[in-house]
Amino acid sequence: MKSNGYKYQADSNKAGEINYRKGVAEAEENNPERFMGLMKQRMEETLNIFKGLDQKYKIGINNNMVFGEFGAERAQRVLSLIGHYNLEKGYAFDISPDMLNISRIISENCFKDEYKEKKLPHEKLVLVADDFLKAKENIQPQQLDFVFCFATIHHFPDPRPVFQTVHSLLKDGGYFYFDREALKSWLGLHEVARLGTYLRFGKVIEREYGILETQFSLNNWKEAFDLFEDWDIRLKYPAPVLEKLYNFDIKKIAGNGFFRFASQVFGGRIYGILRKNKKLNNI
């Protein structure tokens, strides 16, 4: 579906994602021990990422900041941040109410022992079960200090409306971090980054539910990045052996003919941080 020059998800895409995630939620109920182990692993991973971001960009994360995640699934990542930094409030946006409702189970299982006399993280969490591009119908503009997402933007047909929505929700000086996205490869190598789309049950692929799996070109991505004052975006190849060798600054790639051509041939995993109306402090 196209409007104002941008492409948007069709209703069938959204319905497919809701049905798919409902199936995921039901499958996870059948193996709670494995499920909680996976959630704890992702929460620990999230904290390590944000500790690194805080140190590298001198963000100064503190309990007065408000974080929001879209494509939040079970809200496990934002729960981990609320718990670690004792945040006063957090937002979890996801199109699936079935997934978001699991956040309470995760919070009670992971934090009940250390939070006996104070609010559990899920009690500080605002759940928004809706299309993220409608976020402004659920939250006032410029309310968030930090927005983030993992493996979510490719479910939209155009990154620009997504980045515009994030920009509108952020306060001046706010940050946006995204990870686990793919740069389109002319050779089709971006599909390597899609190997994680196989489900734990039945190995069902998201596409079979009508969920979009979009590959964006370097130009598509850069138009979205340029909505922000400053950004530090990296490209690396999604293979452990090559990650340290193949890790480039997108700004340098965009300005160098050879590297620009090579990046479009081979693609790779793209991730990074952006800041609204202020420069990044990456000294």
C-alpha atoms as a PDB file:
ATOM      1  CA  MET A   1       0.000   0.000   0.000  1.00  0.00           C
ATOM      2  CA  LYS A   2       1.377   3.429  -0.971  1.00  0.00           C
ATOM      3  CA  SER A   3       0.579   6.901   0.413  1.00  0.00           C
ATOM      4  CA  ASN A   4       2.429  10.233   0.289  1.00  0.00           C
ATOM      5  CA  GLY A   5       5.197   8.561  -1.692  1.00  0.00           C
ATOM      6  CA  TYR A   6       5.803   5.998   1.067  1.00  0.00           C
ATOM      7  CA  LYS A   7       4.924   2.328   1.185  1.00  0.00           C
ATOM      8  CA  TYR A   8       2.986   0.895   4.126  1.00  0.00           C
ATOM      9  CA  GLN A   9       2.010  -2.570   5.340  1.00  0.00           C
ATOM     10  CA  ALA A  10      -1.287  -3.896   4.008  1.00  0.00           C
ATOM     11  CA  ASP A  11      -3.905  -5.067   6.501  1.00  0.00           C
ATOM     12  CA  SER A  12      -3.163  -8.651   5.429  1.00  0.00           C
ATOM     13  CA  ASN A  13       0.489  -8.230   6.442  1.00  0.00           C
ATOM     14  CA  LYS A  14      -0.520  -7.008   9.897  1.00  0.00           C
ATOM     15  CA  ALA A  15      -3.077  -9.794  10.350  1.00  0.00           C
ATOM     16  CA  GLY A  16      -0.453 -12.354   9.349  1.00  0.00           C
ATOM     17  CA  GLU A  17       1.974 -11.023  11.925  1.00  0.00           C
ATOM     18  CA  ILE A  18      -0.648 -11.166  14.687  1.00  0.00           C
ATOM     19  CA  ASN A  19      -1.524 -14.779  13.813  1.00  0.00           C
ATOM     20  CA  TYR A  20       2.111 -15.790  13.550  1.00  0.00           C
ATOM     21  CA  ARG A  21       2.986 -14.330  16.948  1.00  0.00           C
ATOM     22  CA  LYS A  22      -0.047 -15.929  18.528  1.00  0.00           C
ATOM     23  CA  GLY A  23       1.321 -19.278  17.384  1.00  0.00           C
ATOM     24  CA  VAL A  24       4.746 -18.438  18.817  1.00  0.00           C
ATOM     25  CA  ALA A  25       3.185 -17.547  22.176  1.00  0.00           C
ATOM     26  CA  GLU A  26       1.230 -20.807  22.294  1.00  0.00           C
ATOM     27  CA  ALA A  27       4.306 -22.869  21.397  1.00  0.00           C
ATOM     28  CA  GLU A  28       6.362 -21.239  24.125  1.00  0.00           C
ATOM     29  CA  GLU A  29       3.765 -22.159  26.732  1.00  0.00           C
ATOM     30  CA  ASN A  30       4.516 -25.829  26.009  1.00  0.00           C
ATOM     31  CA  ASN A  31       8.178 -25.480  27.008  1.00  0.00           C
ATOM     32  CA  PRO A  32       8.345 -22.851  29.790  1.00  0.00           C
ATOM     33  CA  GLU A  33      11.785 -23.841  31.083  1.00  0.00           C
ATOM     34  CA  ARG A  34      13.455 -23.455  27.685  1.00  0.00           C
ATOM     35  CA  PHE A  35      11.485 -20.278  27.059  1.00  0.00           C
ATOM     36  CA  MET A  36      12.595 -18.592  30.308  1.00  0.00           C
ATOM     37  CA  GLY A  37      16.187 -19.587  29.619  1.00  0.00           C
ATOM     38  CA  LEU A  38      16.000 -17.874  26.232  1.00  0.00           C
ATOM     39  CA  MET A  39      14.425 -14.744  27.754  1.00  0.00           C
ATOM     40  CA  LYS A  40      17.159 -14.452  30.391  1.00  0.00           C
ATOM     41  CA  GLN A  41      19.775 -14.837  27.668  1.00  0.00           C
ATOM     42  CA  ARG A  42      18.221 -12.023  25.597  1.00  0.00           C
ATOM     43  CA  MET A  43      17.894  -9.770  28.638  1.00  0.00           C
ATOM     44  CA  GLU A  44      21.562 -10.248  29.498  1.00  0.00           C
ATOM     45  CA  GLU A  45      22.503  -9.553  25.878  1.00  0.00           C
ATOM     46  CA  THR A  46      20.431  -6.352  25.946  1.00  0.00           C
ATOM     47  CA  LEU A  47      22.152  -5.059  29.072  1.00  0.00           C
ATOM     48  CA  ASN A  48      25.576  -5.714  27.564  1.00  0.00           C
ATOM     49  CA  ILE A  49      24.621  -3.792  24.423  1.00  0.00           C
ATOM     50  CA  PHE A  50      23.288  -0.795  26.333  1.00  0.00           C
ATOM     51  CA  LYS A  51      26.204  -0.692  28.740  1.00  0.00           C
ATOM     52  CA  GLY A  52      28.451  -0.542  25.684  1.00  0.00           C
ATOM     53  CA  LEU A  53      26.372   2.221  24.071  1.00  0.00           C
ATOM     54  CA  ASP A  54      26.343   4.208  27.317  1.00  0.00           C
ATOM     55  CA  GLN A  55      30.094   4.012  27.606  1.00  0.00           C
ATOM     56  CA  LYS A  56      30.941   4.677  23.954  1.00  0.00           C
ATOM     57  CA  TYR A  57      28.553   7.588  23.375  1.00  0.00           C
ATOM     58  CA  LYS A  58      28.567   9.033  26.909  1.00  0.00           C
ATOM     59  CA  ILE A  59      24.764   8.859  27.072  1.00  0.00           C
ATOM     60  CA  GLY A  60      24.497   8.914  30.847  1.00  0.00           C
ATOM     61  CA  ILE A  61      21.603   6.452  31.184  1.00  0.00           C
ATOM     62  CA  ASN A  62      19.722   7.124  34.418  1.00  0.00           C
ATOM     63  CA  ASN A  63      16.420   6.271  36.102  1.00  0.00           C
ATOM     64  CA  ASN A  64      14.707   9.466  34.906  1.00  0.00           C
ATOM     65  CA  MET A  65      14.971   8.425  31.269  1.00  0.00           C
ATOM     66  CA  VAL A  66      12.012   6.870  29.467  1.00  0.00           C
ATOM     67  CA  PHE A  67      12.764   4.015  27.068  1.00  0.00           C
ATOM     68  CA  GLY A  68      10.547   2.560  24.363  1.00  0.00           C
ATOM     69  CA  GLU A  69      10.950  -0.513  22.185  1.00  0.00           C
ATOM     70  CA  PHE A  70       8.919  -1.330  19.080  1.00  0.00           C
ATOM     71  CA  GLY A  71       8.637  -4.834  17.747  1.00  0.00           C
ATOM     72  CA  ALA A  72       9.043  -5.539  21.453  1.00  0.00           C
ATOM     73  CA  GLU A  73       7.622  -9.071  21.341  1.00  0.00           C
ATOM     74  CA  ARG A  74       7.335 -10.046  25.034  1.00  0.00           C
ATOM     75  CA  ALA A  75       8.973  -6.764  26.167  1.00  0.00           C
ATOM     76  CA  GLN A  76      11.889  -8.748  27.616  1.00  0.00           C
ATOM     77  CA  ARG A  77      14.478  -6.226  26.506  1.00  0.00           C
ATOM     78  CA  VAL A  78      12.810  -3.121  27.894  1.00  0.00           C
ATOM     79  CA  LEU A  79      12.022  -5.066  31.086  1.00  0.00           C
ATOM     80  CA  SER A  80      15.735  -5.754  31.506  1.00  0.00           C
ATOM     81  CA  LEU A  81      16.508  -2.026  31.197  1.00  0.00           C
ATOM     82  CA  ILE A  82      13.776  -1.035  33.659  1.00  0.00           C
ATOM     83  CA  GLY A  83      15.116  -3.600  36.106  1.00  0.00           C
ATOM     84  CA  HIS A  84      18.816  -2.741  35.767  1.00  0.00           C
ATOM     85  CA  TYR A  85      18.561   1.058  35.643  1.00  0.00           C
ATOM     86  CA  ASN A  86      15.480   1.286  37.908  1.00  0.00           C
ATOM     87  CA  LEU A  87      13.682   3.301  35.220  1.00  0.00           C
ATOM     88  CA  GLU A  88      10.475   5.021  36.268  1.00  0.00           C
ATOM     89  CA  LYS A  89       8.686   4.116  33.055  1.00  0.00           C
ATOM     90  CA  GLY A  90       9.032   2.189  29.811  1.00  0.00           C
ATOM     91  CA  TYR A  91       6.961   1.552  26.678  1.00  0.00           C
ATOM     92  CA  ALA A  92       6.652  -1.683  24.721  1.00  0.00           C
ATOM     93  CA  PHE A  93       5.089  -1.429  21.249  1.00  0.00           C
ATOM     94  CA  ASP A  94       4.120  -4.587  19.392  1.00  0.00           C
ATOM     95  CA  ILE A  95       1.323  -5.472  17.023  1.00  0.00           C
ATOM     96  CA  SER A  96       0.621  -8.678  18.952  1.00  0.00           C
ATOM     97  CA  PRO A  97      -1.266  -8.455  22.271  1.00  0.00           C
ATOM     98  CA  ASP A  98      -0.574 -12.173  22.840  1.00  0.00           C
ATOM     99  CA  MET A  99       3.157 -11.524  22.910  1.00  0.00           C
ATOM    100  CA  LEU A 100       2.983  -8.393  25.046  1.00  0.00           C
ATOM    101  CA  ASN A 101       0.863 -10.134  27.661  1.00  0.00           C
ATOM    102  CA  ILE A 102       3.741 -12.536  28.334  1.00  0.00           C
ATOM    103  CA  SER A 103       5.762  -9.615  29.766  1.00  0.00           C
ATOM    104  CA  ARG A 104       4.179 -10.067  33.183  1.00  0.00           C
ATOM    105  CA  ILE A 105       5.233 -13.727  33.360  1.00  0.00           C
ATOM    106  CA  ILE A 106       8.814 -12.808  32.453  1.00  0.00           C
ATOM    107  CA  SER A 107       8.920  -9.986  34.993  1.00  0.00           C
ATOM    108  CA  GLU A 108       7.552 -12.120  37.820  1.00  0.00           C
ATOM    109  CA  ASN A 109       9.933 -14.997  37.054  1.00  0.00           C
ATOM    110  CA  CYS A 110      13.080 -12.922  36.616  1.00  0.00           C
ATOM    111  CA  PHE A 111      12.705 -10.164  39.211  1.00  0.00           C
ATOM    112  CA  LYS A 112      10.397 -11.342  42.012  1.00  0.00           C
ATOM    113  CA  ASP A 113      13.222 -12.293  44.406  1.00  0.00           C
ATOM    114  CA  GLU A 114      15.129  -9.016  44.224  1.00  0.00           C
ATOM    115  CA  TYR A 115      12.020  -6.795  44.002  1.00  0.00           C
ATOM    116  CA  LYS A 116      10.138  -7.996  47.073  1.00  0.00           C
ATOM    117  CA  GLU A 117       9.451  -4.507  48.451  1.00  0.00           C
ATOM    118  CA  LYS A 118       9.137  -2.442  45.284  1.00  0.00           C
ATOM    119  CA  LYS A 119       7.345  -2.474  41.948  1.00  0.00           C
ATOM    120  CA  LEU A 120       8.254  -5.217  39.518  1.00  0.00           C
ATOM    121  CA  PRO A 121       9.466  -3.970  36.105  1.00  0.00           C
ATOM    122  CA  HIS A 122       6.212  -4.890  34.330  1.00  0.00           C
ATOM    123  CA  GLU A 123       4.330  -2.572  36.714  1.00  0.00           C
ATOM    124  CA  LYS A 124       6.280   0.354  35.249  1.00  0.00           C
ATOM    125  CA  LEU A 125       5.650  -0.772  31.687  1.00  0.00           C
ATOM    126  CA  VAL A 126       3.085   0.661  29.265  1.00  0.00           C
ATOM    127  CA  LEU A 127       2.002  -1.941  26.692  1.00  0.00           C
ATOM    128  CA  VAL A 128       0.842  -0.670  23.303  1.00  0.00           C
ATOM    129  CA  ALA A 129      -0.603  -3.430  21.084  1.00  0.00           C
ATOM    130  CA  ASP A 130      -0.916  -1.663  17.737  1.00  0.00           C
ATOM    131  CA  ASP A 131       0.852  -0.842  14.494  1.00  0.00           C
ATOM    132  CA  PHE A 132       3.930   1.155  15.524  1.00  0.00           C
ATOM    133  CA  LEU A 133       3.259   3.759  12.829  1.00  0.00           C
ATOM    134  CA  LYS A 134       0.117   4.646  14.826  1.00  0.00           C
ATOM    135  CA  ALA A 135       2.174   5.249  17.956  1.00  0.00           C
ATOM    136  CA  LYS A 136       1.234   8.941  17.995  1.00  0.00           C
ATOM    137  CA  GLU A 137      -2.355   7.877  18.684  1.00  0.00           C
ATOM    138  CA  ASN A 138      -1.183   6.182  21.884  1.00  0.00           C
ATOM    139  CA  ILE A 139       1.549   8.482  23.184  1.00  0.00           C
ATOM    140  CA  GLN A 140       2.217  12.218  22.973  1.00  0.00           C
ATOM    141  CA  PRO A 141       5.136  13.405  20.801  1.00  0.00           C
ATOM    142  CA  GLN A 142       8.582  13.923  22.330  1.00  0.00           C
ATOM    143  CA  GLN A 143       7.990  11.702  25.369  1.00  0.00           C
ATOM    144  CA  LEU A 144      10.880   9.249  25.017  1.00  0.00           C
ATOM    145  CA  ASP A 145      14.589   9.603  25.691  1.00  0.00           C
ATOM    146  CA  PHE A 146      15.556   6.404  23.912  1.00  0.00           C
ATOM    147  CA  VAL A 147      13.830   4.195  21.329  1.00  0.00           C
ATOM    148  CA  PHE A 148      15.220   0.901  20.109  1.00  0.00           C
ATOM    149  CA  CYS A 149      14.335  -2.196  18.114  1.00  0.00           C
ATOM    150  CA  PHE A 150      15.833  -5.518  17.053  1.00  0.00           C
ATOM    151  CA  ALA A 151      15.064  -7.294  13.767  1.00  0.00           C
ATOM    152  CA  THR A 152      11.887  -5.278  13.208  1.00  0.00           C
ATOM    153  CA  ILE A 153      12.326  -2.591  10.539  1.00  0.00           C
ATOM    154  CA  HIS A 154      12.448  -5.121   7.685  1.00  0.00           C
ATOM    155  CA  HIS A 155       8.827  -6.043   8.430  1.00  0.00           C
ATOM    156  CA  PHE A 156       7.865  -2.644   6.980  1.00  0.00           C
ATOM    157  CA  PRO A 157       8.032  -1.972   3.216  1.00  0.00           C
ATOM    158  CA  ASP A 158       9.740   1.428   3.655  1.00  0.00           C
ATOM    159  CA  PRO A 159      12.087   2.487   6.489  1.00  0.00           C
ATOM    160  CA  ARG A 160      11.348   6.219   6.240  1.00  0.00           C
ATOM    161  CA  PRO A 161       7.910   6.258   7.956  1.00  0.00           C
ATOM    162  CA  VAL A 162       9.390   4.110  10.728  1.00  0.00           C
ATOM    163  CA  PHE A 163      12.255   6.529  11.330  1.00  0.00           C
ATOM    164  CA  GLN A 164       9.856   9.486  11.134  1.00  0.00           C
ATOM    165  CA  THR A 165       7.669   7.915  13.823  1.00  0.00           C
ATOM    166  CA  VAL A 166      10.692   7.314  16.049  1.00  0.00           C
ATOM    167  CA  HIS A 167      11.864  10.891  15.478  1.00  0.00           C
ATOM    168  CA  SER A 168       8.471  12.284  16.508  1.00  0.00           C
ATOM    169  CA  LEU A 169       8.429  10.281  19.760  1.00  0.00           C
ATOM    170  CA  LEU A 170      11.922  11.282  20.840  1.00  0.00           C
ATOM    171  CA  LYS A 171      12.764  14.331  22.906  1.00  0.00           C
ATOM    172  CA  ASP A 172      15.437  16.662  21.530  1.00  0.00           C
ATOM    173  CA  GLY A 173      18.763  14.935  22.050  1.00  0.00           C
ATOM    174  CA  GLY A 174      17.057  11.528  22.219  1.00  0.00           C
ATOM    175  CA  TYR A 175      18.582   8.351  20.798  1.00  0.00           C
ATOM    176  CA  PHE A 176      17.454   5.579  18.461  1.00  0.00           C
ATOM    177  CA  TYR A 177      19.300   2.272  18.312  1.00  0.00           C
ATOM    178  CA  PHE A 178      18.467  -0.558  15.909  1.00  0.00           C
ATOM    179  CA  ASP A 179      20.126  -3.891  15.232  1.00  0.00           C
ATOM    180  CA  ARG A 180      19.787  -7.123  13.233  1.00  0.00           C
ATOM    181  CA  GLU A 181      18.756  -5.591   9.943  1.00  0.00           C
ATOM    182  CA  ALA A 182      20.112  -6.384   6.491  1.00  0.00           C
ATOM    183  CA  LEU A 183      21.548  -4.300   3.672  1.00  0.00           C
ATOM    184  CA  LYS A 184      20.257  -5.618   0.353  1.00  0.00           C
ATOM    185  CA  SER A 185      22.795  -7.622  -1.623  1.00  0.00           C
ATOM    186  CA  TRP A 186      22.723  -7.762  -5.423  1.00  0.00           C
ATOM    187  CA  LEU A 187      23.841 -11.382  -5.059  1.00  0.00           C
ATOM    188  CA  GLY A 188      21.039 -12.161  -2.626  1.00  0.00           C
ATOM    189  CA  LEU A 189      23.457 -12.688   0.278  1.00  0.00           C
ATOM    190  CA  HIS A 190      21.209 -10.636   2.587  1.00  0.00           C
ATOM    191  CA  GLU A 191      19.221 -13.844   2.954  1.00  0.00           C
ATOM    192  CA  VAL A 192      21.995 -15.100   5.263  1.00  0.00           C
ATOM    193  CA  ALA A 193      20.700 -12.597   7.802  1.00  0.00           C
ATOM    194  CA  ARG A 194      17.236 -14.137   7.506  1.00  0.00           C
ATOM    195  CA  LEU A 195      18.207 -17.586   8.774  1.00  0.00           C
ATOM    196  CA  GLY A 196      16.743 -16.697  12.158  1.00  0.00           C
ATOM    197  CA  THR A 197      13.245 -16.453  10.687  1.00  0.00           C
ATOM    198  CA  TYR A 198      12.706 -20.180  11.178  1.00  0.00           C
ATOM    199  CA  LEU A 199      10.482 -20.839  14.148  1.00  0.00           C
ATOM    200  CA  ARG A 200      11.175 -23.231  16.968  1.00  0.00           C
ATOM    201  CA  PHE A 201       7.952 -25.069  16.179  1.00  0.00           C
ATOM    202  CA  GLY A 202       7.492 -26.649  12.759  1.00  0.00           C
ATOM    203  CA  LYS A 203      10.242 -24.458  11.234  1.00  0.00           C
ATOM    204  CA  VAL A 204       7.567 -22.199   9.788  1.00  0.00           C
ATOM    205  CA  ILE A 205       8.832 -19.170   7.895  1.00  0.00           C
ATOM    206  CA  GLU A 206       7.283 -15.774   8.649  1.00  0.00           C
ATOM    207  CA  ARG A 207       6.667 -15.141   4.953  1.00  0.00           C
ATOM    208  CA  GLU A 208       4.195 -18.013   4.867  1.00  0.00           C
ATOM    209  CA  TYR A 209       1.950 -15.922   7.116  1.00  0.00           C
ATOM    210  CA  GLY A 210       2.136 -12.945   4.755  1.00  0.00           C
ATOM    211  CA  ILE A 211       4.634 -11.082   6.939  1.00  0.00           C
ATOM    212  CA  LEU A 212       6.867  -8.745   4.977  1.00  0.00           C
ATOM    213  CA  GLU A 213      10.594  -9.499   4.773  1.00  0.00           C
ATOM    214  CA  THR A 214      11.901  -6.423   2.980  1.00  0.00           C
ATOM    215  CA  GLN A 215      15.470  -5.849   1.845  1.00  0.00           C
ATOM    216  CA  PHE A 216      16.476  -2.191   1.727  1.00  0.00           C
ATOM    217  CA  SER A 217      19.174  -0.715  -0.485  1.00  0.00           C
ATOM    218  CA  LEU A 218      21.904   1.618   0.777  1.00  0.00           C
ATOM    219  CA  ASN A 219      19.965   4.591  -0.626  1.00  0.00           C
ATOM    220  CA  ASN A 220      16.767   3.489   1.162  1.00  0.00           C
ATOM    221  CA  TRP A 221      18.589   3.268   4.464  1.00  0.00           C
ATOM    222  CA  LYS A 222      20.491   6.533   4.067  1.00  0.00           C
ATOM    223  CA  GLU A 223      17.316   8.526   3.322  1.00  0.00           C
ATOM    224  CA  ALA A 224      15.913   7.256   6.623  1.00  0.00           C
ATOM    225  CA  PHE A 225      19.127   7.995   8.546  1.00  0.00           C
ATOM    226  CA  ASP A 226      19.263  11.560   7.267  1.00  0.00           C
ATOM    227  CA  LEU A 227      16.069  12.418   9.162  1.00  0.00           C
ATOM    228  CA  PHE A 228      18.331  12.584  12.220  1.00  0.00           C
ATOM    229  CA  GLU A 229      20.977  15.156  13.120  1.00  0.00           C
ATOM    230  CA  ASP A 230      23.746  12.622  13.586  1.00  0.00           C
ATOM    231  CA  TRP A 231      24.236   8.878  13.292  1.00  0.00           C
ATOM    232  CA  ASP A 232      26.845   6.161  13.573  1.00  0.00           C
ATOM    233  CA  ILE A 233      25.771   3.152  11.513  1.00  0.00           C
ATOM    234  CA  ARG A 234      27.903   0.107  10.816  1.00  0.00           C
ATOM    235  CA  LEU A 235      27.822  -2.670   8.229  1.00  0.00           C
ATOM    236  CA  LYS A 236      29.242  -6.092   8.928  1.00  0.00           C
ATOM    237  CA  TYR A 237      28.944  -9.533   7.411  1.00  0.00           C
ATOM    238  CA  PRO A 238      26.728 -11.828   9.519  1.00  0.00           C
ATOM    239  CA  ALA A 239      29.277 -14.595   9.987  1.00  0.00           C
ATOM    240  CA  PRO A 240      31.451 -14.888  13.144  1.00  0.00           C
ATOM    241  CA  VAL A 241      34.657 -15.448  11.168  1.00  0.00           C
ATOM    242  CA  LEU A 242      34.221 -12.311   9.089  1.00  0.00           C
ATOM    243  CA  GLU A 243      32.571  -9.882  11.523  1.00  0.00           C
ATOM    244  CA  LYS A 244      35.825  -8.294  12.714  1.00  0.00           C
ATOM    245  CA  LEU A 245      37.261  -8.007   9.206  1.00  0.00           C
ATOM    246  CA  TYR A 246      34.084  -6.835   7.477  1.00  0.00           C
ATOM    247  CA  ASN A 247      32.863  -3.983   9.685  1.00  0.00           C
ATOM    248  CA  PHE A 248      32.513  -0.581   8.010  1.00  0.00           C
ATOM    249  CA  ASP A 249      31.190   2.893   8.712  1.00  0.00           C
ATOM    250  CA  ILE A 250      28.182   3.558   6.438  1.00  0.00           C
ATOM    251  CA  LYS A 251      29.139   7.244   6.051  1.00  0.00           C
ATOM    252  CA  LYS A 252      32.513   6.249   4.627  1.00  0.00           C
ATOM    253  CA  ILE A 253      30.938   3.614   2.399  1.00  0.00           C
ATOM    254  CA  ALA A 254      28.426   6.102   0.996  1.00  0.00           C
ATOM    255  CA  GLY A 255      31.220   8.515   0.080  1.00  0.00           C
ATOM    256  CA  ASN A 256      33.573   5.988  -1.524  1.00  0.00           C
ATOM    257  CA  GLY A 257      32.685   4.588  -4.941  1.00  0.00           C
ATOM    258  CA  PHE A 258      34.533   1.291  -4.523  1.00  0.00           C
ATOM    259  CA  PHE A 259      33.189   0.492  -1.046  1.00  0.00           C
ATOM    260  CA  ARG A 260      29.712   1.632  -2.028  1.00  0.00           C
ATOM    261  CA  PHE A 261      29.728  -0.799  -4.969  1.00  0.00           C
ATOM    262  CA  ALA A 262      31.161  -3.651  -2.862  1.00  0.00           C
ATOM    263  CA  SER A 263      28.594  -3.131  -0.088  1.00  0.00           C
ATOM    264  CA  GLN A 264      25.755  -3.319  -2.591  1.00  0.00           C
ATOM    265  CA  VAL A 265      27.137  -6.519  -4.105  1.00  0.00           C
ATOM    266  CA  PHE A 266      27.727  -8.340  -0.814  1.00  0.00           C
ATOM    267  CA  GLY A 267      25.263  -6.636   1.543  1.00  0.00           C
ATOM    268  CA  GLY A 268      25.570  -7.511   5.221  1.00  0.00           C
ATOM    269  CA  ARG A 269      24.144  -6.852   8.656  1.00  0.00           C
ATOM    270  CA  ILE A 270      23.422  -3.222   9.433  1.00  0.00           C
ATOM    271  CA  TYR A 271      23.069  -1.699  12.903  1.00  0.00           C
ATOM    272  CA  GLY A 272      23.759   1.519  14.772  1.00  0.00           C
ATOM    273  CA  ILE A 273      22.644   4.560  16.730  1.00  0.00           C
ATOM    274  CA  LEU A 274      21.108   7.902  15.726  1.00  0.00           C
ATOM    275  CA  ARG A 275      20.479  11.107  17.676  1.00  0.00           C
ATOM    276  CA  LYS A 276      17.737  13.708  17.278  1.00  0.00           C
ATOM    277  CA  ASN A 277      18.783  17.362  16.846  1.00  0.00           C
ATOM    278  CA  LYS A 278      22.176  16.893  18.538  1.00  0.00           C
ATOM    279  CA  LYS A 279      25.554  15.388  17.715  1.00  0.00           C
ATOM    280  CA  LEU A 280      26.638  12.027  19.089  1.00  0.00           C
ATOM    281  CA  ASN A 281      29.288  12.066  21.784  1.00  0.00           C
ATOM    282  CA  ASN A 282      31.464   9.353  20.241  1.00  0.00           C
ATOM    283  CA  ILE A 283      34.896  10.760  21.083  1.00  0.00           C
END
